C-alpha atoms as a PDB file:
ATOM      1  CA  MET A   1      26.707  25.265 -28.625  1.00  0.00           C
ATOM      2  CA  SER A   2      24.314  27.560 -30.180  1.00  0.00           C
ATOM      3  CA  LEU A   3      21.741  29.495 -28.071  1.00  0.00           C
ATOM      4  CA  GLU A   4      18.958  27.572 -29.654  1.00  0.00           C
ATOM      5  CA  LEU A   5      20.602  24.170 -28.476  1.00  0.00           C
ATOM      6  CA  LEU A   6      21.026  25.527 -24.867  1.00  0.00           C
ATOM      7  CA  SER A   7      17.379  26.585 -24.993  1.00  0.00           C
ATOM      8  CA  GLU A   8      16.296  23.100 -26.093  1.00  0.00           C
ATOM      9  CA  LEU A   9      18.407  21.544 -23.437  1.00  0.00           C
ATOM     10  CA  GLU A  10      16.954  23.849 -20.849  1.00  0.00           C
ATOM     11  CA  THR A  11      13.470  22.886 -21.869  1.00  0.00           C
ATOM     12  CA  LYS A  12      14.291  18.967 -21.661  1.00  0.00           C
ATOM     13  CA  ILE A  13      15.802  19.549 -18.383  1.00  0.00           C
ATOM     14  CA  GLN A  14      12.905  21.338 -17.030  1.00  0.00           C
ATOM     15  CA  ALA A  15      10.572  18.636 -18.386  1.00  0.00           C
ATOM     16  CA  THR A  16      12.653  15.994 -16.624  1.00  0.00           C
ATOM     17  CA  LEU A  17      12.649  17.729 -13.412  1.00  0.00           C
ATOM     18  CA  GLU A  18       8.904  18.000 -13.519  1.00  0.00           C
ATOM     19  CA  THR A  19       8.513  14.430 -14.376  1.00  0.00           C
ATOM     20  CA  ILE A  20      10.693  13.516 -11.459  1.00  0.00           C
ATOM     21  CA  GLU A  21       8.649  15.540  -9.224  1.00  0.00           C
ATOM     22  CA  LEU A  22       5.408  13.835 -10.344  1.00  0.00           C
ATOM     23  CA  LEU A  23       6.949  10.425  -9.999  1.00  0.00           C
ATOM     24  CA  LYS A  24       8.011  11.473  -6.302  1.00  0.00           C
ATOM     25  CA  MET A  25       4.393  12.474  -5.451  1.00  0.00           C
ATOM     26  CA  GLU A  26       3.072   9.233  -7.013  1.00  0.00           C
ATOM     27  CA  LEU A  27       5.589   7.209  -5.057  1.00  0.00           C
ATOM     28  CA  GLU A  28       4.583   9.004  -1.761  1.00  0.00           C
ATOM     29  CA  GLU A  29       0.738   8.084  -2.519  1.00  0.00           C
ATOM     30  CA  GLU A  30       1.721   4.572  -3.251  1.00  0.00           C
ATOM     31  CA  LYS A  31       3.659   4.456   0.117  1.00  0.00           C
ATOM     32  CA  LEU A  32       0.555   5.752   1.901  1.00  0.00           C
ATOM     33  CA  LYS A  33      -1.649   3.214   0.174  1.00  0.00           C
ATOM     34  CA  ALA A  34       0.740   0.544   1.194  1.00  0.00           C
ATOM     35  CA  ILE A  35       0.537   1.575   4.925  1.00  0.00           C
ATOM     36  CA  SER A  36      -3.050   1.769   4.769  1.00  0.00           C
ATOM     37  CA  LEU A  37      -3.298  -1.687   3.164  1.00  0.00           C
ATOM     38  CA  ALA A  38      -0.901  -3.103   5.647  1.00  0.00           C
ATOM     39  CA  GLU A  39      -3.133  -1.745   8.540  1.00  0.00           C
ATOM     40  CA  GLN A  40      -6.100  -3.199   7.003  1.00  0.00           C
ATOM     41  CA  ASN A  41      -4.365  -6.566   6.536  1.00  0.00           C
ATOM     42  CA  GLN A  42      -3.428  -6.582  10.045  1.00  0.00           C
ATOM     43  CA  GLN A  43      -7.104  -5.806  11.303  1.00  0.00           C
ATOM     44  CA  LEU A  44      -8.346  -8.509   8.878  1.00  0.00           C
ATOM     45  CA  ASN A  45      -5.936 -10.904  10.400  1.00  0.00           C
ATOM     46  CA  GLN A  46      -7.073 -10.141  13.870  1.00  0.00           C
ATOM     47  CA  ASP A  47     -10.598 -10.548  12.907  1.00  0.00           C
ATOM     48  CA  LEU A  48      -9.876 -13.785  11.206  1.00  0.00           C
ATOM     49  CA  ASN A  49      -8.058 -15.102  14.432  1.00  0.00           C
ATOM     50  CA  SER A  50     -10.972 -13.962  16.571  1.00  0.00           C
ATOM     51  CA  TRP A  51     -13.424 -15.885  14.401  1.00  0.00           C
ATOM     52  CA  ASN A  52     -11.135 -18.996  14.460  1.00  0.00           C
ATOM     53  CA  GLU A  53     -11.067 -18.834  18.237  1.00  0.00           C
ATOM     54  CA  LYS A  54     -14.967 -18.455  18.394  1.00  0.00           C
ATOM     55  CA  VAL A  55     -15.469 -21.356  15.939  1.00  0.00           C
ATOM     56  CA  THR A  56     -12.866 -23.526  17.791  1.00  0.00           C
ATOM     57  CA  GLY A  57     -14.772 -22.811  21.063  1.00  0.00           C
ATOM     58  CA  LEU A  58     -18.140 -23.621  19.519  1.00  0.00           C
ATOM     59  CA  VAL A  59     -16.853 -26.911  18.057  1.00  0.00           C
ATOM     60  CA  GLY A  60     -15.396 -27.686  21.425  1.00  0.00           C
ATOM     61  CA  LEU A  61     -18.729 -27.200  23.167  1.00  0.00           C
ATOM     62  CA  LEU A  62     -20.388 -29.471  20.436  1.00  0.00           C
ATOM     63  CA  ASN A  63     -17.955 -32.190  21.093  1.00  0.00           C
ATOM     64  CA  GLU A  64     -18.614 -31.837  24.850  1.00  0.00           C
ATOM     65  CA  GLU A  65     -22.347 -32.241  24.211  1.00  0.00           C
ATOM     66  CA  VAL A  66     -21.884 -35.205  21.944  1.00  0.00           C
ATOM     67  CA  SER A  67     -19.549 -37.009  24.314  1.00  0.00           C
END
């Protein structure tokens, strides 16, 4: 191989390594977002369950009053 081809190969390898590093960073960011969204989803589900219990309780009170 000529020196020029080796230099070209080195440039391409360096660019590939940089791309891999950027993709790793993006993946880490997406993992953190996923964790955050999972926590938010859990909180929203807890809120929903709480509201459901309150509404069920109120409906029960209304049913007792009507009976």
